[in-house]
Amino acid sequence: MSIKDELQQVEEDLARLKAENKDIREQVRNMGATDQVEISALIALADEQGELIADLERRRDGLRARLERESSPQT
């Protein structure tokens, strides 16, 4: 897999995870004072996804830097 392909895959994964994370957090806000165990589980899931998103963003930044280095003319 080329760096460009890997970068595209990371970007797609990030977009999907961010949308899912937003949906989960909206779900928690809309639940009100219902099942606290379920709310806690959803918050924990959203937090875990937040960590995964941060990891993928770091990976994306690294891939972008590699791609830039490889496309820059060598001196």
Protein backbone atom coordinates (compact mmCIF):
# COMPACT_ATOMS: atom_id res chain seq x y z
CA MET A 1 0.00 0.00 0.00
CA SER A 2 1.39 3.37 -0.97
CA ILE A 3 1.62 6.26 1.46
CA LYS A 4 -1.11 8.07 -0.49
CA ASP A 5 -3.40 5.04 -0.22
CA GLU A 6 -2.69 4.67 3.48
CA LEU A 7 -3.30 8.38 4.04
CA GLN A 8 -6.62 8.15 2.19
CA GLN A 9 -7.66 5.17 4.33
CA VAL A 10 -6.74 7.02 7.53
CA GLU A 11 -8.72 10.07 6.37
CA GLU A 12 -11.77 7.86 5.68
CA ASP A 13 -11.45 6.14 9.05
CA LEU A 14 -11.16 9.52 10.79
CA ALA A 15 -14.27 10.87 9.07
CA ARG A 16 -16.25 7.76 10.00
CA LEU A 17 -15.09 7.74 13.62
CA LYS A 18 -15.72 11.45 14.08
CA ALA A 19 -19.28 11.05 12.76
CA GLU A 20 -19.90 8.05 15.03
CA ASN A 21 -18.44 9.90 18.01
CA LYS A 22 -20.65 12.90 17.35
CA ASP A 23 -23.72 10.64 17.11
CA ILE A 24 -22.90 8.91 20.40
CA ARG A 25 -22.40 12.20 22.23
CA GLU A 26 -25.66 13.56 20.82
CA GLN A 27 -27.39 10.38 21.96
CA VAL A 28 -26.09 10.92 25.49
CA ARG A 29 -27.27 14.54 25.51
CA ASN A 30 -30.73 13.53 24.31
CA MET A 31 -31.17 10.69 26.81
CA GLY A 32 -31.87 12.90 29.79
CA ALA A 33 -32.01 11.28 33.21
CA THR A 34 -32.63 7.71 32.08
CA ASP A 35 -30.47 4.65 32.58
CA GLN A 36 -27.23 5.91 34.16
CA VAL A 37 -25.40 2.66 33.39
CA GLU A 38 -26.19 2.99 29.70
CA ILE A 39 -25.19 6.66 29.70
CA SER A 40 -21.89 5.79 31.40
CA ALA A 41 -21.21 3.07 28.85
CA LEU A 42 -21.91 5.45 25.96
CA ILE A 43 -19.65 8.11 27.46
CA ALA A 44 -16.88 5.55 27.92
CA LEU A 45 -17.30 4.44 24.30
CA ALA A 46 -17.17 8.04 23.08
CA ASP A 47 -14.03 8.67 25.15
CA GLU A 48 -12.35 5.54 23.72
CA GLN A 49 -13.24 6.67 20.22
CA GLY A 50 -11.81 10.08 21.04
CA GLU A 51 -8.49 8.44 21.92
CA LEU A 52 -8.58 6.42 18.70
CA ILE A 53 -9.32 9.59 16.73
CA ALA A 54 -6.31 11.29 18.32
CA ASP A 55 -4.11 8.29 17.42
CA LEU A 56 -5.34 8.34 13.83
CA GLU A 57 -4.74 12.09 13.59
CA ARG A 58 -1.14 11.58 14.72
CA ARG A 59 -0.76 8.78 12.17
CA ARG A 60 -2.25 11.01 9.46
CA ASP A 61 0.17 13.81 10.34
CA GLY A 62 3.09 11.39 10.15
CA LEU A 63 1.96 10.09 6.78
CA ARG A 64 1.56 13.61 5.46
CA ALA A 65 5.09 14.45 6.60
CA ARG A 66 6.49 11.30 4.94
CA LEU A 67 4.64 12.06 1.74
CA GLU A 68 5.93 15.63 1.76
CA ARG A 69 9.51 14.46 2.36
CA GLU A 70 9.27 11.94 -0.46
CA SER A 71 7.81 14.46 -2.91
CA SER A 72 10.30 17.22 -2.03
CA PRO A 73 13.33 17.47 -4.31
CA GLN A 74 16.47 16.14 -2.71
CA THR A 75 19.36 18.58 -2.43
